[in-house]
Amino acid sequence: MMNRFFRRLLVTTLLVSPGALLAQGNARITVTFDQTPMADVIAAFSDYSGRDMVLGPGITATVDARFTNKPWEEAFQAVLAVHGLSVVEMPGGILRIDSPGQLVALDSIERLETEMIRLNYAKASLMALNIQGLLTKDRGQVIADTGLNGLIITDTRTRLPGIIAFAKSLDIRTPTVAIMAKLIFVDRTDLQQLGFKYDLGTSDQFFNRLVQRIDPLTGSPYNPNSQVVNLGGNAMSAITNADALISGSALEVAFTTAIGGFSLTSFLSALERVELTDVEAVPVIHTLDNQEAYILSGEETPVRVIDASSFGQVNQAPRANVQFKETGIRLKVRPSVTASREIRMDIEAERSSIQPLAAADLGFTIPKQIAQTTLLVRDGETAVIGGLNTTTVTRNRAGIPLLSSLPFVGSLFSFTEDRENRKDLIIMVTPRIIDDPIE
């Protein structure tokens, strides 16, 4: 069992730093070396470990050391380090101890071998970059075969098995992560409008804006833009709050009374409206560890854009281009699974929509809600990555000067509009590891 452990240790250490033997074993040694030739020291370690060891020629150093209840691997490594020696495993499991320069020279004359390995999960092009630094300088070579997803490795016979073992240790099945994001967007608008308008006139003197009078010559109502004012008498006409209109009013009341030779007409318009938009989107996406995923649920809306440079040209209409604006629910995420089964995510979530400014061709607005962050959560844990609450209150009041300012009755001579808009946004994300790597 110790031999198998030591052999595995040598192969692993050789790839990182040839000759550096670090291990944690149970076998301990207590020994004293007093001017002991290096050849005898190596023979002692060989007898104790059961490993075949060969000392390079020309090494005549003597060892002075004392080890008390130390793991024999650490003692062996300390002796080599003090005298500047390294170790490499030869074919058949034989350990050669020599100076680093001699071992490098051995690599330069050792016969090269080539072997191909197929990869199951890792990409050959990326794996080739990972093992590039392990190859023998100026001799080793690795070629990625993307068609077969394999590696063609060329190196010395001594180093090739360790490089292949290292490549296979990295070729593991990566976990799959399922990410569920939940976007909740609520847009609520409360609107209250109340207004009074008045019209005062006689049968032959009036402003034709509120009450449509009849033209005695044609028997049809006057054009709303025409005004009939008799300047020969002392009658009067008046109109108040004519421009204070309530679009789509829910209540309209007209009251008409005669005051002497005048006709007084009052108009009451009232509206109370609640607009509610509740959007709840739950996009779910699956991706491999450390791979970016992207999902979009929405539409592309054509938007006409006028070319300003085409204005003013004779006998030519302004040119217009059509651009497509992408709106909807968008989710972009890159998960990374840690060794403790936590998930680190670079995530970006967006909700957008397109709204025309008016019925005429005046353009569009694109409201957006975006959250972009990096967070670390446990498997199956839900985290809130964004929250926003916005409340906008608008109050407008227009009326007849002086009269609209009177206490209690001022509302009878004014037009009021109260608008409250409230927007709530919550973005949550829940990742789950649905596929553990196979060892």
Protein backbone atom coordinates (compact mmCIF):
# COMPACT_ATOMS: atom_id res chain seq x y z
CA MET A 1 0.00 0.00 0.00
CA MET A 2 2.86 2.38 0.81
CA ASN A 3 4.45 1.67 -2.57
CA ARG A 4 1.25 2.56 -4.40
CA PHE A 5 0.88 5.72 -2.36
CA PHE A 6 4.50 6.76 -2.95
CA ARG A 7 4.27 6.08 -6.69
CA ARG A 8 1.16 8.20 -6.97
CA LEU A 9 2.86 10.91 -4.95
CA LEU A 10 5.89 10.96 -7.27
CA VAL A 11 3.78 11.24 -10.40
CA THR A 12 1.72 14.08 -8.98
CA THR A 13 4.69 15.97 -7.59
CA LEU A 14 6.72 15.48 -10.75
CA LEU A 15 4.18 17.46 -12.74
CA VAL A 16 4.39 20.37 -10.35
CA SER A 17 8.03 20.44 -9.32
CA PRO A 18 10.35 17.53 -10.19
CA GLY A 19 12.14 16.20 -7.15
CA ALA A 20 9.95 17.87 -4.51
CA LEU A 21 8.57 14.98 -2.47
CA LEU A 22 5.87 16.13 -0.08
CA ALA A 23 3.49 13.65 1.50
CA GLN A 24 1.65 12.81 4.65
CA GLY A 25 2.31 9.21 5.58
CA ASN A 26 2.05 7.21 8.78
CA ALA A 27 5.47 5.56 8.47
CA ARG A 28 7.98 7.46 10.60
CA ILE A 29 11.72 7.13 10.95
CA THR A 30 14.28 7.86 13.62
CA VAL A 31 17.83 7.90 12.26
CA THR A 32 21.15 9.72 12.58
CA PHE A 33 23.56 10.28 9.66
CA ASP A 34 27.12 11.25 10.62
CA GLN A 35 29.38 11.89 7.64
CA THR A 36 27.49 9.18 5.83
CA PRO A 37 28.14 8.96 2.08
CA MET A 38 25.14 9.92 -0.03
CA ALA A 39 25.13 6.48 -1.66
CA ASP A 40 24.66 4.81 1.74
CA VAL A 41 21.90 7.27 2.69
CA ILE A 42 20.02 6.54 -0.52
CA ALA A 43 20.45 2.81 0.06
CA ALA A 44 19.01 3.18 3.55
CA PHE A 45 15.94 4.98 2.29
CA SER A 46 15.57 2.37 -0.46
CA ASP A 47 15.62 -0.47 2.03
CA TYR A 48 13.16 1.27 4.32
CA SER A 49 10.64 2.27 1.61
CA GLY A 50 11.01 -0.76 -0.63
CA ARG A 51 11.54 1.50 -3.64
CA ASP A 52 14.32 1.00 -6.19
CA MET A 53 16.59 4.05 -6.19
CA VAL A 54 19.57 4.93 -8.36
CA LEU A 55 22.05 7.68 -7.48
CA GLY A 56 23.49 9.67 -10.35
CA PRO A 57 27.24 9.39 -11.07
CA GLY A 58 29.63 11.91 -9.59
CA ILE A 59 27.65 12.58 -6.41
CA THR A 60 30.13 12.20 -3.54
CA ALA A 61 28.48 14.34 -0.87
CA THR A 62 28.25 13.17 2.73
CA VAL A 63 25.21 13.62 4.93
CA ASP A 64 25.04 14.95 8.48
CA ALA A 65 21.45 14.81 9.71
CA ARG A 66 19.29 13.54 12.53
CA PHE A 67 15.60 12.71 12.28
CA THR A 68 13.44 11.78 15.23
CA ASN A 69 10.02 10.28 14.64
CA LYS A 70 9.58 12.02 11.26
CA PRO A 71 7.73 10.72 8.21
CA TRP A 72 10.35 9.09 6.03
CA GLU A 73 9.13 10.99 2.94
CA GLU A 74 9.84 14.32 4.67
CA ALA A 75 13.24 13.14 5.82
CA PHE A 76 14.08 11.94 2.29
CA GLN A 77 12.99 15.24 0.79
CA ALA A 78 15.00 17.23 3.34
CA VAL A 79 18.21 15.34 2.53
CA LEU A 80 17.77 15.94 -1.21
CA ALA A 81 16.93 19.64 -0.69
CA VAL A 82 20.00 20.32 1.44
CA HIS A 83 22.32 18.91 -1.23
CA GLY A 84 20.45 20.40 -4.20
CA LEU A 85 19.26 17.10 -5.64
CA SER A 86 16.04 16.15 -7.39
CA VAL A 87 14.30 12.88 -8.15
CA VAL A 88 12.49 11.56 -11.21
CA GLU A 89 10.69 8.28 -11.73
CA MET A 90 12.10 6.15 -14.52
CA PRO A 91 10.23 3.40 -16.40
CA GLY A 92 9.54 0.46 -14.10
CA GLY A 93 9.12 2.69 -11.04
CA ILE A 94 12.85 3.23 -10.49
CA LEU A 95 13.72 6.55 -8.82
CA ARG A 96 16.72 8.38 -10.19
CA ILE A 97 18.36 10.89 -7.85
CA ASP A 98 20.60 13.46 -9.51
CA SER A 99 21.21 17.18 -9.87
CA PRO A 100 18.50 19.17 -11.64
CA GLY A 101 20.85 19.92 -14.50
CA GLN A 102 21.51 16.25 -15.12
CA LEU A 103 17.80 15.45 -15.03
CA VAL A 104 17.08 18.19 -17.56
CA ALA A 105 19.82 16.80 -19.77
CA LEU A 106 18.18 13.39 -19.44
CA ASP A 107 14.93 14.88 -20.76
CA SER A 108 16.77 16.28 -23.75
CA ILE A 109 18.07 12.90 -24.87
CA GLU A 110 15.25 10.64 -23.75
CA ARG A 111 13.18 9.09 -26.49
CA LEU A 112 9.88 10.82 -27.30
CA GLU A 113 6.54 9.04 -27.35
CA THR A 114 3.17 10.13 -28.69
CA GLU A 115 -0.22 9.13 -27.39
CA MET A 116 -3.77 10.27 -28.06
CA ILE A 117 -6.50 10.48 -25.41
CA ARG A 118 -10.21 11.12 -25.94
CA LEU A 119 -11.98 13.60 -23.69
CA ASN A 120 -15.52 13.06 -22.48
CA TYR A 121 -16.54 16.42 -21.02
CA ALA A 122 -13.78 19.01 -21.36
CA LYS A 123 -13.13 20.82 -24.64
CA ALA A 124 -9.92 19.73 -26.30
CA SER A 125 -8.88 23.27 -27.23
CA LEU A 126 -9.13 24.45 -23.61
CA MET A 127 -7.50 21.32 -22.20
CA ALA A 128 -4.51 21.81 -24.50
CA LEU A 129 -3.90 25.21 -22.95
CA ASN A 130 -4.09 23.78 -19.43
CA ILE A 131 -1.37 21.18 -19.96
CA GLN A 132 0.89 23.30 -22.15
CA GLY A 133 3.01 24.33 -19.19
CA LEU A 134 3.64 20.70 -18.13
CA LEU A 135 5.41 19.67 -21.32
CA THR A 136 9.17 19.31 -21.61
CA LYS A 137 10.60 22.56 -22.84
CA ASP A 138 11.36 22.63 -26.58
CA ARG A 139 10.43 18.94 -26.90
CA GLY A 140 6.91 18.32 -25.67
CA GLN A 141 3.91 19.12 -27.84
CA VAL A 142 0.14 18.90 -27.56
CA ILE A 143 -2.35 19.12 -30.44
CA ALA A 144 -6.09 19.48 -29.94
CA ASP A 145 -8.23 17.39 -32.28
CA THR A 146 -11.55 19.24 -32.22
CA GLY A 147 -13.25 16.71 -34.49
CA LEU A 148 -12.72 13.81 -32.08
CA ASN A 149 -12.43 16.07 -29.02
CA GLY A 150 -9.10 14.52 -28.13
CA LEU A 151 -5.50 15.43 -27.40
CA ILE A 152 -2.40 14.24 -29.24
CA ILE A 153 0.43 14.51 -26.68
CA THR A 154 4.12 14.09 -27.44
CA ASP A 155 6.72 14.02 -24.65
CA THR A 156 9.43 11.92 -23.09
CA ARG A 157 8.59 8.42 -22.02
CA THR A 158 9.17 9.39 -18.39
CA ARG A 159 6.88 12.42 -18.31
CA LEU A 160 4.15 11.28 -20.69
CA PRO A 161 2.20 9.04 -18.23
CA GLY A 162 2.03 11.81 -15.64
CA ILE A 163 0.80 14.37 -18.16
CA ILE A 164 -1.89 11.98 -19.40
CA ALA A 165 -3.00 11.26 -15.83
CA PHE A 166 -3.20 14.97 -15.12
CA ALA A 167 -5.31 15.61 -18.24
CA LYS A 168 -7.74 12.82 -17.34
CA SER A 169 -8.08 14.19 -13.82
CA LEU A 170 -9.38 17.45 -15.29
CA ASP A 171 -11.80 15.72 -17.64
CA ILE A 172 -14.72 15.56 -15.22
CA ARG A 173 -18.42 16.00 -15.75
CA THR A 174 -19.45 19.54 -14.88
CA PRO A 175 -22.72 20.10 -13.01
CA THR A 176 -25.82 21.54 -14.66
CA VAL A 177 -27.47 24.48 -12.93
CA ALA A 178 -31.15 25.41 -13.28
CA ILE A 179 -31.81 29.08 -12.59
CA MET A 180 -35.30 30.43 -12.02
CA ALA A 181 -35.77 34.17 -11.90
CA LYS A 182 -39.01 35.82 -10.83
CA LEU A 183 -39.79 39.37 -11.93
CA ILE A 184 -42.82 41.04 -10.34
CA PHE A 185 -43.76 44.47 -11.66
CA VAL A 186 -46.87 46.36 -10.52
CA ASP A 187 -47.84 49.71 -12.07
CA ARG A 188 -50.93 51.36 -10.52
CA THR A 189 -52.34 54.75 -11.43
CA ASP A 190 -55.23 56.41 -9.53
CA LEU A 191 -56.82 59.35 -11.35
CA GLN A 192 -59.50 61.72 -10.07
CA GLN A 193 -60.79 64.64 -12.15
CA LEU A 194 -63.56 67.13 -11.37
CA GLY A 195 -64.40 70.30 -13.25
CA PHE A 196 -67.08 72.93 -13.84
CA LYS A 197 -67.64 74.99 -16.98
CA TYR A 198 -70.10 77.84 -17.56
CA ASP A 199 -71.66 79.45 -20.61
CA LEU A 200 -73.59 82.73 -20.59
CA GLY A 201 -75.24 84.31 -23.65
CA THR A 202 -78.35 85.50 -25.41
CA SER A 203 -80.01 84.29 -28.56
CA ASP A 204 -78.07 86.73 -30.73
CA GLN A 205 -74.80 87.19 -28.78
CA PHE A 206 -72.69 84.23 -27.63
CA PHE A 207 -69.39 82.34 -27.88
CA ASN A 208 -70.09 79.14 -29.75
CA ARG A 209 -67.75 76.80 -27.84
CA LEU A 210 -69.82 75.03 -25.23
CA VAL A 211 -73.47 75.37 -26.29
CA GLN A 212 -74.08 74.78 -29.96
CA ARG A 213 -76.56 77.42 -31.18
CA ILE A 214 -78.66 77.05 -34.34
CA ASP A 215 -77.99 79.20 -37.37
CA PRO A 216 -81.43 80.58 -38.33
CA LEU A 217 -80.40 80.80 -41.98
CA THR A 218 -79.48 77.16 -42.38
CA GLY A 219 -81.21 75.48 -39.47
CA SER A 220 -77.96 73.71 -38.54
CA PRO A 221 -75.68 74.36 -35.56
CA TYR A 222 -73.02 76.97 -35.99
CA ASN A 223 -69.45 75.87 -36.60
CA PRO A 224 -67.83 75.51 -33.15
CA ASN A 225 -65.06 77.86 -34.24
CA SER A 226 -67.49 80.66 -35.19
CA GLN A 227 -68.35 83.40 -32.69
CA VAL A 228 -71.54 85.49 -32.84
CA VAL A 229 -71.16 88.77 -31.00
CA ASN A 230 -73.69 91.58 -31.39
CA LEU A 231 -71.85 94.85 -30.88
CA GLY A 232 -74.97 96.99 -31.34
CA GLY A 233 -76.57 96.34 -27.99
CA ASN A 234 -75.65 96.10 -24.36
CA ALA A 235 -76.02 92.33 -24.01
CA MET A 236 -73.03 90.27 -22.87
CA SER A 237 -71.68 86.76 -23.35
CA ALA A 238 -69.16 84.81 -21.28
CA ILE A 239 -67.50 81.40 -21.08
CA THR A 240 -65.38 79.85 -18.32
CA ASN A 241 -63.01 76.84 -18.20
CA ALA A 242 -63.71 75.99 -21.82
CA ASP A 243 -60.32 74.35 -22.22
CA ALA A 244 -60.60 72.28 -19.01
CA LEU A 245 -61.67 69.05 -20.63
CA ILE A 246 -61.91 65.62 -19.08
CA SER A 247 -61.17 62.95 -21.64
CA GLY A 248 -63.58 60.04 -21.31
CA SER A 249 -65.40 61.48 -18.32
CA ALA A 250 -67.63 59.08 -16.40
CA LEU A 251 -70.19 61.72 -15.38
CA GLU A 252 -71.45 64.71 -17.41
CA VAL A 253 -74.19 66.99 -16.08
CA ALA A 254 -75.56 70.05 -17.83
CA PHE A 255 -77.80 72.62 -16.13
CA THR A 256 -79.46 75.51 -17.92
CA THR A 257 -81.44 78.39 -16.45
CA ALA A 258 -82.77 81.70 -17.70
CA ILE A 259 -81.71 84.86 -15.97
CA GLY A 260 -83.63 87.72 -17.46
CA GLY A 261 -82.82 87.74 -21.15
CA PHE A 262 -79.75 85.59 -20.68
CA SER A 263 -79.27 81.81 -20.74
CA LEU A 264 -76.80 80.41 -18.19
CA THR A 265 -75.57 76.89 -18.79
CA SER A 266 -73.29 75.03 -16.38
CA PHE A 267 -71.45 71.82 -17.13
CA LEU A 268 -70.15 69.30 -14.59
CA SER A 269 -67.63 66.62 -15.63
CA ALA A 270 -66.21 64.01 -13.27
CA LEU A 271 -63.94 61.02 -13.67
CA GLU A 272 -62.35 58.50 -11.32
CA ARG A 273 -60.16 55.87 -12.92
CA VAL A 274 -57.80 53.16 -11.69
CA GLU A 275 -55.21 51.72 -14.08
CA LEU A 276 -53.40 48.57 -12.92
CA THR A 277 -50.63 46.67 -14.68
CA ASP A 278 -49.43 43.50 -12.95
CA VAL A 279 -46.60 41.67 -14.71
CA GLU A 280 -45.22 38.44 -13.21
CA ALA A 281 -42.59 36.68 -15.32
CA VAL A 282 -40.80 33.49 -14.25
CA PRO A 283 -38.06 32.64 -16.78
CA VAL A 284 -36.19 29.36 -16.16
CA ILE A 285 -32.92 28.50 -17.85
CA HIS A 286 -30.45 25.59 -17.62
CA THR A 287 -26.74 25.89 -18.25
CA LEU A 288 -23.45 24.17 -17.45
CA ASP A 289 -21.10 25.36 -14.76
CA ASN A 290 -19.18 28.51 -15.80
CA GLN A 291 -21.14 28.83 -19.05
CA GLU A 292 -23.16 31.95 -19.81
CA ALA A 293 -26.86 31.47 -20.57
CA TYR A 294 -29.30 33.94 -22.11
CA ILE A 295 -33.08 33.87 -22.50
CA LEU A 296 -35.46 36.45 -23.98
CA SER A 297 -39.24 36.43 -24.04
CA GLY A 298 -40.56 39.45 -25.90
CA GLU A 299 -40.96 41.03 -29.29
CA GLU A 300 -39.24 43.31 -31.77
CA THR A 301 -41.25 46.43 -32.53
CA PRO A 302 -40.58 48.45 -35.71
CA VAL A 303 -39.96 52.13 -34.94
CA ARG A 304 -39.91 54.71 -37.72
CA VAL A 305 -37.06 57.21 -37.41
CA ILE A 306 -37.15 60.41 -39.48
CA ASP A 307 -33.89 61.49 -41.13
CA ALA A 308 -33.47 65.11 -40.05
CA SER A 309 -31.06 65.86 -42.91
CA SER A 310 -33.84 65.24 -45.46
CA PHE A 311 -36.00 68.16 -44.27
CA GLY A 312 -36.19 71.22 -46.48
CA GLN A 313 -35.43 69.45 -49.74
CA VAL A 314 -37.58 70.63 -52.63
CA ASN A 315 -40.22 68.24 -53.94
CA GLN A 316 -39.04 65.44 -51.69
CA ALA A 317 -40.71 64.01 -48.63
CA PRO A 318 -38.59 63.49 -45.52
CA ARG A 319 -36.86 60.14 -45.49
CA ALA A 320 -37.64 57.64 -42.78
CA ASN A 321 -35.79 54.55 -41.58
CA VAL A 322 -37.23 51.64 -39.66
CA GLN A 323 -35.41 50.35 -36.61
CA PHE A 324 -36.43 47.34 -34.55
CA LYS A 325 -36.47 47.75 -30.79
CA GLU A 326 -36.26 44.57 -28.73
CA THR A 327 -38.40 44.55 -25.61
CA GLY A 328 -39.66 41.95 -23.14
CA ILE A 329 -38.25 39.81 -20.35
CA ARG A 330 -34.50 39.21 -20.60
CA LEU A 331 -32.27 37.05 -18.38
CA LYS A 332 -28.50 36.63 -18.70
CA VAL A 333 -26.57 34.58 -16.13
CA ARG A 334 -23.22 32.83 -15.65
CA PRO A 335 -23.21 30.39 -12.67
CA SER A 336 -20.17 28.93 -10.95
CA VAL A 337 -20.52 26.03 -8.51
CA THR A 338 -18.11 26.09 -5.58
CA ALA A 339 -16.69 23.10 -3.73
CA SER A 340 -19.12 23.75 -0.84
CA ARG A 341 -22.14 23.44 -3.19
CA GLU A 342 -22.77 27.17 -3.24
CA ILE A 343 -23.46 28.96 -6.50
CA ARG A 344 -21.81 32.19 -7.53
CA MET A 345 -23.78 34.00 -10.23
CA ASP A 346 -23.15 36.98 -12.47
CA ILE A 347 -26.74 37.81 -13.34
CA GLU A 348 -28.57 40.48 -15.31
CA ALA A 349 -32.38 40.66 -15.42
CA GLU A 350 -34.39 43.15 -17.45
CA ARG A 351 -38.03 43.92 -18.14
CA SER A 352 -38.91 46.47 -20.83
CA SER A 353 -41.89 47.55 -22.91
CA ILE A 354 -42.57 50.04 -25.68
CA GLN A 355 -45.21 52.77 -25.46
CA PRO A 356 -46.19 55.30 -28.15
CA LEU A 357 -46.11 58.93 -27.09
CA ALA A 358 -49.40 59.76 -28.83
CA ALA A 359 -51.69 58.64 -31.60
CA ALA A 360 -49.70 60.80 -34.02
CA ASP A 361 -46.26 59.78 -35.18
CA LEU A 362 -44.37 61.36 -32.30
CA GLY A 363 -42.15 58.44 -31.36
CA PHE A 364 -42.03 55.94 -28.50
CA THR A 365 -40.83 55.58 -24.97
CA ILE A 366 -39.26 52.36 -23.69
CA PRO A 367 -39.64 51.96 -19.90
CA LYS A 368 -37.05 49.56 -18.48
CA GLN A 369 -36.37 47.87 -15.17
CA ILE A 370 -32.88 46.36 -14.96
CA ALA A 371 -30.98 44.61 -12.16
CA GLN A 372 -27.34 43.56 -12.60
CA THR A 373 -25.33 42.05 -9.78
CA THR A 374 -23.04 39.26 -8.57
CA LEU A 375 -24.13 37.13 -5.63
CA LEU A 376 -23.39 33.88 -3.82
CA VAL A 377 -26.31 31.68 -2.72
CA ARG A 378 -26.80 28.13 -1.53
CA ASP A 379 -28.30 25.39 -3.65
CA GLY A 380 -32.07 25.94 -3.80
CA GLU A 381 -31.96 29.23 -1.88
CA THR A 382 -34.00 32.21 -3.11
CA ALA A 383 -32.32 35.59 -3.09
CA VAL A 384 -33.80 39.01 -3.82
CA ILE A 385 -31.46 40.73 -6.24
CA GLY A 386 -33.49 43.90 -6.82
CA GLY A 387 -36.34 45.90 -5.38
CA LEU A 388 -37.67 49.34 -6.31
CA ASN A 389 -40.68 51.33 -5.14
CA THR A 390 -41.58 54.61 -6.84
CA THR A 391 -44.58 56.80 -6.03
CA THR A 392 -45.43 59.92 -8.05
CA VAL A 393 -48.22 62.27 -6.99
CA THR A 394 -49.38 65.01 -9.39
CA ARG A 395 -52.05 67.61 -8.60
CA ASN A 396 -53.33 70.17 -11.11
CA ARG A 397 -55.87 72.92 -10.47
CA ALA A 398 -57.22 75.55 -12.88
CA GLY A 399 -60.14 77.92 -12.41
CA ILE A 400 -61.64 81.38 -12.58
CA PRO A 401 -59.47 83.99 -10.86
CA LEU A 402 -60.71 85.07 -7.44
CA LEU A 403 -63.80 82.86 -7.59
CA SER A 404 -61.84 79.61 -7.53
CA SER A 405 -60.03 80.82 -4.39
CA LEU A 406 -63.15 81.33 -2.37
CA PRO A 407 -63.53 78.99 0.61
CA PHE A 408 -66.10 76.21 0.36
CA VAL A 409 -67.52 77.30 -3.01
CA GLY A 410 -64.19 77.66 -4.85
CA SER A 411 -64.51 74.16 -6.27
CA LEU A 412 -67.60 75.29 -8.24
CA PHE A 413 -65.40 77.55 -10.35
CA SER A 414 -62.34 75.34 -10.88
CA PHE A 415 -61.06 72.20 -12.49
CA THR A 416 -58.96 69.75 -10.41
CA GLU A 417 -56.96 66.69 -11.31
CA ASP A 418 -55.28 64.34 -8.81
CA ARG A 419 -53.03 61.60 -10.20
CA GLU A 420 -51.05 59.09 -8.15
CA ASN A 421 -48.75 56.62 -9.85
CA ARG A 422 -47.11 53.79 -7.92
CA LYS A 423 -44.57 51.35 -9.36
CA ASP A 424 -43.24 48.31 -7.49
CA LEU A 425 -40.50 46.05 -8.81
CA ILE A 426 -39.12 42.89 -7.19
CA ILE A 427 -36.61 40.54 -8.83
CA MET A 428 -35.80 37.19 -7.19
CA VAL A 429 -33.60 34.32 -8.32
CA THR A 430 -33.40 30.65 -7.24
CA PRO A 431 -30.55 28.43 -8.51
CA ARG A 432 -30.53 24.64 -8.21
CA ILE A 433 -27.80 22.12 -8.93
CA ILE A 434 -29.56 19.34 -10.79
CA ASP A 435 -26.53 17.31 -11.86
CA ASP A 436 -23.50 16.61 -9.63
CA PRO A 437 -20.15 15.78 -11.23
CA ILE A 438 -19.27 12.09 -11.49
CA GLU A 439 -15.95 11.29 -9.83
